[in-house]
Amino acid sequence: MADMKRKDYEAALEPLQRELIDAQRWIMEQRRRLVIVFEGRDAAGKGGAIKAITQMLNTRGYRIVALSKPNEHEASQWYFQRYASHLPGGGEIVLFDRSWYNRAGVEKVMGFCSDAEYRDFLAQCPVFERLLTDAGTLLVKYWLTVDQAQQEERFAERASDPFKRWKISPIDIAAREKYADYGKARDAMIAATHAENAPWFLVDFNDQRRGRLNLIRHLLDWLPDRKVPEKPLKLPKLKSKPAKEKIADAARWIETKW
C-alpha cells in the first residue's frame, strides 16, 4: 500500500483535531486526569504522533514528558518515583514519550538493569497502574510498530538530515542489531502488563500518517462519553478605535528583514 499523501492526511486530521479539542474541554471541565503512554521501536514515530495530538490543544491543559537517563540521585529512588512526579493533576493530559516501560524495553534488551530488577518491574507495574486508575486516572498505552526495513530507511533519512540527526543516539545505533530481542521483550511486557484498567494497543506505523490517524481515532473512541456543550462566543465591539502599539524608548526593535 502506497504511503498516504499529505493533502489526504491533513484533510483527515483536521476533524480529528477538532474532536481532540472537545475531548480536552471535557477533561478540563470535569477535572479528569488522562495519561497516554507512547512506546515503540526507535524511529517508529512517537514524537510525530504526540505532535499531531497536541498541535491544536490548549497548552495549559497538557504536558509532554520525555525523560532522559536518570541521574545518580534518581537512580537511587524507587523506580517509579521520578515518573510519578510527572503524573497529571485534575483537568490535565500528560503524554509520555517513552515511560516507566523503559525498564521492560531498552534496559532489559541492552542490559542496563539486572534480571531481578526486570522481574520486579513486571510484577510491580500492574500494581502501580492499578493505584493510578483506582484513583480515577484514565490510562491508555500505545505501542507503535514498524518493520525493520522501514526502520532502517528512517534511520538513514535521519543520519543524512541535519535537522533530524540529533534524534539518533549511540543507544539507537547499538540497538539496530537487536530488532528481534526488542520484539521478544515487547511481547513479554505486554503479556505481563496488559489489563482492562490499563490496556495496551498496537498501532501500525509503517506509514506514519495513517498510523497517526488510526491512533487518534482510537483514542477518541476509547475515551468515555465527553459531550460538553460549547458556549457560543461573541466578541463585544470595542468602545474606542483600535490602537497602535506604543513602545517605551528603552525597548529596541529587531531589524526588519521580511
C-alpha atoms as a PDB file:
ATOM      1  CA  MET A   1       0.000   0.000   0.000  1.00  0.00           C
ATOM      2  CA  ALA A   2       1.366   3.395  -1.006  1.00  0.00           C
ATOM      3  CA  ASP A   3       2.059   5.927   1.713  1.00  0.00           C
ATOM      4  CA  MET A   4      -0.772   8.345   2.363  1.00  0.00           C
ATOM      5  CA  LYS A   5      -0.456  11.687   0.570  1.00  0.00           C
ATOM      6  CA  ARG A   6      -0.028  14.791   2.695  1.00  0.00           C
ATOM      7  CA  LYS A   7      -3.154  16.536   1.404  1.00  0.00           C
ATOM      8  CA  ASP A   8      -5.294  13.472   2.198  1.00  0.00           C
ATOM      9  CA  TYR A   9      -3.683  13.205   5.623  1.00  0.00           C
ATOM     10  CA  GLU A  10      -4.259  16.840   6.502  1.00  0.00           C
ATOM     11  CA  ALA A  11      -7.881  16.656   5.335  1.00  0.00           C
ATOM     12  CA  ALA A  12      -8.491  13.628   7.578  1.00  0.00           C
ATOM     13  CA  LEU A  13      -6.555  15.069  10.522  1.00  0.00           C
ATOM     14  CA  GLU A  14      -8.452  18.350  10.830  1.00  0.00           C
ATOM     15  CA  PRO A  15     -11.810  16.918  12.019  1.00  0.00           C
ATOM     16  CA  LEU A  16      -9.968  14.618  14.440  1.00  0.00           C
ATOM     17  CA  GLN A  17      -8.155  17.578  15.936  1.00  0.00           C
ATOM     18  CA  ARG A  18     -11.483  19.358  16.408  1.00  0.00           C
ATOM     19  CA  GLU A  19     -12.687  16.320  18.340  1.00  0.00           C
ATOM     20  CA  LEU A  20      -9.499  16.385  20.410  1.00  0.00           C
ATOM     21  CA  ILE A  21     -10.269  19.974  21.392  1.00  0.00           C
ATOM     22  CA  ASP A  22     -13.720  18.826  22.535  1.00  0.00           C
ATOM     23  CA  ALA A  23     -12.158  15.969  24.479  1.00  0.00           C
ATOM     24  CA  GLN A  24      -9.706  18.299  26.193  1.00  0.00           C
ATOM     25  CA  ARG A  25     -12.519  20.686  27.129  1.00  0.00           C
ATOM     26  CA  TRP A  26     -14.345  17.756  28.736  1.00  0.00           C
ATOM     27  CA  ILE A  27     -11.215  16.732  30.652  1.00  0.00           C
ATOM     28  CA  MET A  28     -10.625  20.276  31.868  1.00  0.00           C
ATOM     29  CA  GLU A  29     -14.228  20.976  32.863  1.00  0.00           C
ATOM     30  CA  GLN A  30     -14.696  17.603  34.551  1.00  0.00           C
ATOM     31  CA  ARG A  31     -11.247  17.781  36.227  1.00  0.00           C
ATOM     32  CA  ARG A  32     -10.344  14.356  34.869  1.00  0.00           C
ATOM     33  CA  ARG A  33      -6.783  13.071  34.591  1.00  0.00           C
ATOM     34  CA  LEU A  34      -5.542  11.376  31.413  1.00  0.00           C
ATOM     35  CA  VAL A  35      -2.224   9.589  30.870  1.00  0.00           C
ATOM     36  CA  ILE A  36      -1.256   8.448  27.376  1.00  0.00           C
ATOM     37  CA  VAL A  37       1.857   6.280  27.129  1.00  0.00           C
ATOM     38  CA  PHE A  38       3.702   6.111  23.799  1.00  0.00           C
ATOM     39  CA  GLU A  39       6.140   3.260  23.395  1.00  0.00           C
ATOM     40  CA  GLY A  40       7.561   1.583  20.326  1.00  0.00           C
ATOM     41  CA  ARG A  41      10.658   0.927  18.330  1.00  0.00           C
ATOM     42  CA  ASP A  42      13.199   3.651  17.619  1.00  0.00           C
ATOM     43  CA  ALA A  43      12.058   5.850  14.710  1.00  0.00           C
ATOM     44  CA  ALA A  44       8.524   4.450  14.859  1.00  0.00           C
ATOM     45  CA  GLY A  45       7.038   7.944  15.074  1.00  0.00           C
ATOM     46  CA  LYS A  46       6.176   8.611  18.711  1.00  0.00           C
ATOM     47  CA  GLY A  47       7.093  12.285  18.562  1.00  0.00           C
ATOM     48  CA  GLY A  48       5.085  12.895  15.396  1.00  0.00           C
ATOM     49  CA  ALA A  49       2.018  11.207  16.881  1.00  0.00           C
ATOM     50  CA  ILE A  50       2.261  13.325  20.031  1.00  0.00           C
ATOM     51  CA  LYS A  51       2.639  16.488  17.950  1.00  0.00           C
ATOM     52  CA  ALA A  52      -0.445  15.625  15.884  1.00  0.00           C
ATOM     53  CA  ILE A  53      -2.484  15.144  19.065  1.00  0.00           C
ATOM     54  CA  THR A  54      -1.322  18.296  20.851  1.00  0.00           C
ATOM     55  CA  GLN A  55      -0.951  20.650  17.888  1.00  0.00           C
ATOM     56  CA  MET A  56      -4.299  22.411  18.375  1.00  0.00           C
ATOM     57  CA  LEU A  57      -4.835  21.843  22.098  1.00  0.00           C
ATOM     58  CA  ASN A  58      -4.830  24.404  24.879  1.00  0.00           C
ATOM     59  CA  THR A  59      -1.219  24.434  26.057  1.00  0.00           C
ATOM     60  CA  ARG A  60      -2.354  24.962  29.656  1.00  0.00           C
ATOM     61  CA  GLY A  61      -4.138  21.620  29.653  1.00  0.00           C
ATOM     62  CA  TYR A  62      -1.412  19.163  28.625  1.00  0.00           C
ATOM     63  CA  ARG A  63       2.223  18.281  29.236  1.00  0.00           C
ATOM     64  CA  ILE A  64       4.644  16.155  27.232  1.00  0.00           C
ATOM     65  CA  VAL A  65       7.057  14.135  29.362  1.00  0.00           C
ATOM     66  CA  ALA A  66      10.228  12.797  27.733  1.00  0.00           C
ATOM     67  CA  LEU A  67      12.724  11.964  30.442  1.00  0.00           C
ATOM     68  CA  SER A  68      16.420  11.463  29.843  1.00  0.00           C
ATOM     69  CA  LYS A  69      18.670   8.948  31.558  1.00  0.00           C
ATOM     70  CA  PRO A  70      18.211   9.124  35.364  1.00  0.00           C
ATOM     71  CA  ASN A  71      20.883  10.956  37.286  1.00  0.00           C
ATOM     72  CA  GLU A  72      22.657   9.419  40.270  1.00  0.00           C
ATOM     73  CA  HIS A  73      20.009  10.610  42.737  1.00  0.00           C
ATOM     74  CA  GLU A  74      17.089   9.422  40.582  1.00  0.00           C
ATOM     75  CA  ALA A  75      18.749   6.062  40.040  1.00  0.00           C
ATOM     76  CA  SER A  76      18.761   5.538  43.815  1.00  0.00           C
ATOM     77  CA  GLN A  77      14.995   6.177  44.120  1.00  0.00           C
ATOM     78  CA  TRP A  78      12.092   3.765  43.923  1.00  0.00           C
ATOM     79  CA  TYR A  79      11.928   3.044  40.200  1.00  0.00           C
ATOM     80  CA  PHE A  80       8.505   4.606  39.580  1.00  0.00           C
ATOM     81  CA  GLN A  81       9.216   7.703  41.678  1.00  0.00           C
ATOM     82  CA  ARG A  82      10.510  10.045  39.012  1.00  0.00           C
ATOM     83  CA  TYR A  83       7.644   9.140  36.692  1.00  0.00           C
ATOM     84  CA  ALA A  84       5.031   9.585  39.409  1.00  0.00           C
ATOM     85  CA  SER A  85       6.133  13.179  39.905  1.00  0.00           C
ATOM     86  CA  HIS A  86       5.055  13.952  36.323  1.00  0.00           C
ATOM     87  CA  LEU A  87       1.545  12.493  36.536  1.00  0.00           C
ATOM     88  CA  PRO A  88      -1.375  14.824  35.744  1.00  0.00           C
ATOM     89  CA  GLY A  89      -3.464  16.861  38.101  1.00  0.00           C
ATOM     90  CA  GLY A  90      -7.178  17.406  37.650  1.00  0.00           C
ATOM     91  CA  GLY A  91      -8.105  18.682  34.194  1.00  0.00           C
ATOM     92  CA  GLU A  92      -4.757  17.717  32.686  1.00  0.00           C
ATOM     93  CA  ILE A  93      -3.440  15.400  29.978  1.00  0.00           C
ATOM     94  CA  VAL A  94       0.089  14.002  30.220  1.00  0.00           C
ATOM     95  CA  LEU A  95       1.660  12.318  27.202  1.00  0.00           C
ATOM     96  CA  PHE A  96       4.696  10.152  27.955  1.00  0.00           C
ATOM     97  CA  ASP A  97       7.177   9.955  25.070  1.00  0.00           C
ATOM     98  CA  ARG A  98       8.598   6.737  26.476  1.00  0.00           C
ATOM     99  CA  SER A  99       7.782   5.991  30.070  1.00  0.00           C
ATOM    100  CA  TRP A 100       8.396   3.664  33.009  1.00  0.00           C
ATOM    101  CA  TYR A 101       8.339   0.896  30.412  1.00  0.00           C
ATOM    102  CA  ASN A 102      11.977   1.711  29.622  1.00  0.00           C
ATOM    103  CA  ARG A 103      12.826  -0.989  32.162  1.00  0.00           C
ATOM    104  CA  ALA A 104      10.966  -3.631  30.167  1.00  0.00           C
ATOM    105  CA  GLY A 105      12.386  -2.392  26.853  1.00  0.00           C
ATOM    106  CA  VAL A 106      15.752  -0.742  26.380  1.00  0.00           C
ATOM    107  CA  GLU A 107      17.002  -1.534  29.897  1.00  0.00           C
ATOM    108  CA  LYS A 108      16.162  -5.212  29.527  1.00  0.00           C
ATOM    109  CA  VAL A 109      17.469  -5.594  25.985  1.00  0.00           C
ATOM    110  CA  MET A 110      20.644  -3.541  26.423  1.00  0.00           C
ATOM    111  CA  GLY A 111      21.483  -4.958  29.854  1.00  0.00           C
ATOM    112  CA  PHE A 112      21.012  -1.710  31.805  1.00  0.00           C
ATOM    113  CA  CYS A 113      19.120  -3.441  34.606  1.00  0.00           C
ATOM    114  CA  SER A 114      19.548  -6.732  36.439  1.00  0.00           C
ATOM    115  CA  ASP A 115      17.255  -9.722  35.927  1.00  0.00           C
ATOM    116  CA  ALA A 116      15.896  -9.169  39.439  1.00  0.00           C
ATOM    117  CA  GLU A 117      15.085  -5.521  38.697  1.00  0.00           C
ATOM    118  CA  TYR A 118      13.361  -6.566  35.476  1.00  0.00           C
ATOM    119  CA  ARG A 119      11.267  -9.250  37.210  1.00  0.00           C
ATOM    120  CA  ASP A 120      10.348  -6.805  39.997  1.00  0.00           C
ATOM    121  CA  PHE A 121       9.196  -4.289  37.392  1.00  0.00           C
ATOM    122  CA  LEU A 122       6.909  -6.760  35.629  1.00  0.00           C
ATOM    123  CA  ALA A 123       5.368  -7.701  38.996  1.00  0.00           C
ATOM    124  CA  GLN A 124       5.063  -4.158  40.358  1.00  0.00           C
ATOM    125  CA  CYS A 125       3.950  -2.299  37.230  1.00  0.00           C
ATOM    126  CA  PRO A 126       0.346  -3.610  37.204  1.00  0.00           C
ATOM    127  CA  VAL A 127       0.064  -2.671  40.894  1.00  0.00           C
ATOM    128  CA  PHE A 128       1.389   0.840  40.219  1.00  0.00           C
ATOM    129  CA  GLU A 129      -1.034   1.310  37.337  1.00  0.00           C
ATOM    130  CA  ARG A 130      -3.941  -0.105  39.353  1.00  0.00           C
ATOM    131  CA  LEU A 131      -3.280   2.531  42.009  1.00  0.00           C
ATOM    132  CA  LEU A 132      -3.477   5.224  39.326  1.00  0.00           C
ATOM    133  CA  THR A 133      -6.687   4.029  37.747  1.00  0.00           C
ATOM    134  CA  ASP A 134      -8.392   3.238  41.066  1.00  0.00           C
ATOM    135  CA  ALA A 135      -7.795   6.895  41.950  1.00  0.00           C
ATOM    136  CA  GLY A 136      -9.623   7.938  38.783  1.00  0.00           C
ATOM    137  CA  THR A 137      -6.780   8.431  36.307  1.00  0.00           C
ATOM    138  CA  LEU A 138      -7.532   7.358  32.746  1.00  0.00           C
ATOM    139  CA  LEU A 139      -4.554   5.369  31.423  1.00  0.00           C
ATOM    140  CA  VAL A 140      -4.044   4.095  27.889  1.00  0.00           C
ATOM    141  CA  LYS A 141      -0.841   2.697  26.378  1.00  0.00           C
ATOM    142  CA  TYR A 142       0.146   2.574  22.694  1.00  0.00           C
ATOM    143  CA  TRP A 143       2.909   0.542  21.109  1.00  0.00           C
ATOM    144  CA  LEU A 144       3.899   1.843  17.666  1.00  0.00           C
ATOM    145  CA  THR A 145       5.046  -0.967  15.388  1.00  0.00           C
ATOM    146  CA  VAL A 146       7.411  -0.640  12.421  1.00  0.00           C
ATOM    147  CA  ASP A 147       9.127  -3.265  10.268  1.00  0.00           C
ATOM    148  CA  GLN A 148      12.912  -3.340  10.365  1.00  0.00           C
ATOM    149  CA  ALA A 149      13.336  -2.359   6.693  1.00  0.00           C
ATOM    150  CA  GLN A 150      11.183   0.732   7.261  1.00  0.00           C
ATOM    151  CA  GLN A 151      13.050   1.492  10.468  1.00  0.00           C
ATOM    152  CA  GLU A 152      16.371   1.356   8.610  1.00  0.00           C
ATOM    153  CA  GLU A 153      15.051   3.778   5.959  1.00  0.00           C
ATOM    154  CA  ARG A 154      14.122   6.250   8.687  1.00  0.00           C
ATOM    155  CA  PHE A 155      17.499   5.908  10.366  1.00  0.00           C
ATOM    156  CA  ALA A 156      19.212   6.611   7.031  1.00  0.00           C
ATOM    157  CA  GLU A 157      16.996   9.657   6.493  1.00  0.00           C
ATOM    158  CA  ARG A 158      17.790  10.988   9.960  1.00  0.00           C
ATOM    159  CA  ALA A 159      21.511  10.395   9.511  1.00  0.00           C
ATOM    160  CA  SER A 160      21.539  12.448   6.290  1.00  0.00           C
ATOM    161  CA  ASP A 161      19.308  15.280   7.553  1.00  0.00           C
ATOM    162  CA  PRO A 162      20.972  17.877   9.828  1.00  0.00           C
ATOM    163  CA  PHE A 163      17.534  18.779  11.229  1.00  0.00           C
ATOM    164  CA  LYS A 164      16.910  15.190  12.342  1.00  0.00           C
ATOM    165  CA  ARG A 165      20.380  13.863  13.114  1.00  0.00           C
ATOM    166  CA  TRP A 166      20.005  14.722  16.805  1.00  0.00           C
ATOM    167  CA  LYS A 167      17.280  12.073  17.035  1.00  0.00           C
ATOM    168  CA  ILE A 168      19.833   9.272  16.654  1.00  0.00           C
ATOM    169  CA  SER A 169      21.670   8.336  19.860  1.00  0.00           C
ATOM    170  CA  PRO A 170      24.518   5.837  20.360  1.00  0.00           C
ATOM    171  CA  ILE A 171      21.962   3.546  22.027  1.00  0.00           C
ATOM    172  CA  ASP A 172      19.775   3.690  18.910  1.00  0.00           C
ATOM    173  CA  ILE A 173      22.711   2.623  16.769  1.00  0.00           C
ATOM    174  CA  ALA A 174      23.642  -0.236  19.081  1.00  0.00           C
ATOM    175  CA  ALA A 175      20.011  -1.385  19.277  1.00  0.00           C
ATOM    176  CA  ARG A 176      19.708  -1.779  15.485  1.00  0.00           C
ATOM    177  CA  GLU A 177      21.158  -5.294  15.744  1.00  0.00           C
ATOM    178  CA  LYS A 178      18.635  -6.296  18.412  1.00  0.00           C
ATOM    179  CA  TYR A 179      15.378  -5.960  16.482  1.00  0.00           C
ATOM    180  CA  ALA A 180      14.249  -9.499  17.364  1.00  0.00           C
ATOM    181  CA  ASP A 181      15.250  -9.087  21.024  1.00  0.00           C
ATOM    182  CA  TYR A 182      13.116  -5.955  21.281  1.00  0.00           C
ATOM    183  CA  GLY A 183      10.184  -7.883  19.834  1.00  0.00           C
ATOM    184  CA  LYS A 184      10.525 -10.598  22.469  1.00  0.00           C
ATOM    185  CA  ALA A 185      10.824  -8.006  25.245  1.00  0.00           C
ATOM    186  CA  ARG A 186       7.720  -6.206  23.954  1.00  0.00           C
ATOM    187  CA  ASP A 187       5.680  -9.399  23.933  1.00  0.00           C
ATOM    188  CA  ALA A 188       6.724 -10.290  27.485  1.00  0.00           C
ATOM    189  CA  MET A 189       5.995  -6.753  28.650  1.00  0.00           C
ATOM    190  CA  ILE A 190       2.504  -6.660  27.153  1.00  0.00           C
ATOM    191  CA  ALA A 191       1.674 -10.132  28.451  1.00  0.00           C
ATOM    192  CA  ALA A 192       2.574  -9.046  31.997  1.00  0.00           C
ATOM    193  CA  THR A 193       1.067  -5.541  31.993  1.00  0.00           C
ATOM    194  CA  HIS A 194      -1.959  -5.504  29.691  1.00  0.00           C
ATOM    195  CA  ALA A 195      -5.110  -5.081  31.796  1.00  0.00           C
ATOM    196  CA  GLU A 196      -8.627  -3.802  31.342  1.00  0.00           C
ATOM    197  CA  ASN A 197      -7.878  -0.779  33.508  1.00  0.00           C
ATOM    198  CA  ALA A 198      -4.557  -0.084  31.739  1.00  0.00           C
ATOM    199  CA  PRO A 199      -4.753  -1.585  28.247  1.00  0.00           C
ATOM    200  CA  TRP A 200      -2.115  -1.858  25.555  1.00  0.00           C
ATOM    201  CA  PHE A 201      -2.979  -1.183  21.915  1.00  0.00           C
ATOM    202  CA  LEU A 202      -0.731  -1.864  18.935  1.00  0.00           C
ATOM    203  CA  VAL A 203      -0.695   0.624  16.041  1.00  0.00           C
ATOM    204  CA  ASP A 204       0.870   0.010  12.619  1.00  0.00           C
ATOM    205  CA  PHE A 205       3.249   2.919  11.966  1.00  0.00           C
ATOM    206  CA  ASN A 206       4.921   1.698   8.789  1.00  0.00           C
ATOM    207  CA  ASP A 207       3.007   4.600   7.244  1.00  0.00           C
ATOM    208  CA  GLN A 208       3.253   7.294   9.898  1.00  0.00           C
ATOM    209  CA  ARG A 209       0.389   9.410   8.576  1.00  0.00           C
ATOM    210  CA  ARG A 210      -2.045   6.510   8.578  1.00  0.00           C
ATOM    211  CA  GLY A 211      -0.704   5.462  11.969  1.00  0.00           C
ATOM    212  CA  ARG A 212      -1.376   8.881  13.495  1.00  0.00           C
ATOM    213  CA  LEU A 213      -4.915   8.993  12.135  1.00  0.00           C
ATOM    214  CA  ASN A 214      -5.708   5.486  13.370  1.00  0.00           C
ATOM    215  CA  LEU A 215      -4.231   6.179  16.800  1.00  0.00           C
ATOM    216  CA  ILE A 216      -6.137   9.439  17.273  1.00  0.00           C
ATOM    217  CA  ARG A 217      -9.391   7.902  16.078  1.00  0.00           C
ATOM    218  CA  HIS A 218      -8.923   5.039  18.533  1.00  0.00           C
ATOM    219  CA  LEU A 219      -8.052   7.383  21.402  1.00  0.00           C
ATOM    220  CA  LEU A 220     -11.189   9.442  20.807  1.00  0.00           C
ATOM    221  CA  ASP A 221     -13.349   6.323  20.669  1.00  0.00           C
ATOM    222  CA  TRP A 222     -11.674   4.888  23.783  1.00  0.00           C
ATOM    223  CA  LEU A 223     -12.355   7.929  25.953  1.00  0.00           C
ATOM    224  CA  PRO A 224     -15.651   7.996  27.872  1.00  0.00           C
ATOM    225  CA  ASP A 225     -18.608   9.983  26.540  1.00  0.00           C
ATOM    226  CA  ARG A 226     -17.284  13.518  26.564  1.00  0.00           C
ATOM    227  CA  LYS A 227     -20.164  15.714  25.413  1.00  0.00           C
ATOM    228  CA  VAL A 228     -19.737  19.195  26.837  1.00  0.00           C
ATOM    229  CA  PRO A 229     -21.909  21.947  25.330  1.00  0.00           C
ATOM    230  CA  GLU A 230     -19.764  24.537  23.637  1.00  0.00           C
ATOM    231  CA  LYS A 231     -20.756  28.009  24.702  1.00  0.00           C
ATOM    232  CA  PRO A 232     -21.100  30.471  21.810  1.00  0.00           C
ATOM    233  CA  LEU A 233     -18.524  33.224  21.855  1.00  0.00           C
ATOM    234  CA  LYS A 234     -19.417  36.670  20.590  1.00  0.00           C
ATOM    235  CA  LEU A 235     -16.900  39.476  20.946  1.00  0.00           C
ATOM    236  CA  PRO A 236     -18.386  42.808  22.015  1.00  0.00           C
ATOM    237  CA  LYS A 237     -17.418  45.865  19.998  1.00  0.00           C
ATOM    238  CA  LEU A 238     -14.510  47.958  21.236  1.00  0.00           C
ATOM    239  CA  LYS A 239     -15.537  51.177  22.951  1.00  0.00           C
ATOM    240  CA  SER A 240     -12.891  53.119  21.037  1.00  0.00           C
ATOM    241  CA  LYS A 241     -10.955  52.863  17.790  1.00  0.00           C
ATOM    242  CA  PRO A 242      -8.280  50.140  17.636  1.00  0.00           C
ATOM    243  CA  ALA A 243      -4.976  51.483  18.982  1.00  0.00           C
ATOM    244  CA  LYS A 244      -1.475  51.026  17.645  1.00  0.00           C
ATOM    245  CA  GLU A 245       1.368  49.623  19.703  1.00  0.00           C
ATOM    246  CA  LYS A 246       3.323  52.263  21.625  1.00  0.00           C
ATOM    247  CA  ILE A 247       6.725  51.080  22.738  1.00  0.00           C
ATOM    248  CA  ALA A 248       8.788  52.606  25.535  1.00  0.00           C
ATOM    249  CA  ASP A 249      12.030  54.298  24.497  1.00  0.00           C
ATOM    250  CA  ALA A 250      14.066  51.726  26.425  1.00  0.00           C
ATOM    251  CA  ALA A 251      12.818  48.922  24.202  1.00  0.00           C
ATOM    252  CA  ARG A 252      14.554  48.176  20.915  1.00  0.00           C
ATOM    253  CA  TRP A 253      13.073  46.803  17.727  1.00  0.00           C
ATOM    254  CA  ILE A 254      14.761  43.915  15.995  1.00  0.00           C
ATOM    255  CA  GLU A 255      15.925  44.594  12.454  1.00  0.00           C
ATOM    256  CA  THR A 256      13.119  44.052   9.953  1.00  0.00           C
ATOM    257  CA  LYS A 257      14.233  41.644   7.202  1.00  0.00           C
ATOM    258  CA  TRP A 258      10.947  40.339   5.857  1.00  0.00           C
END
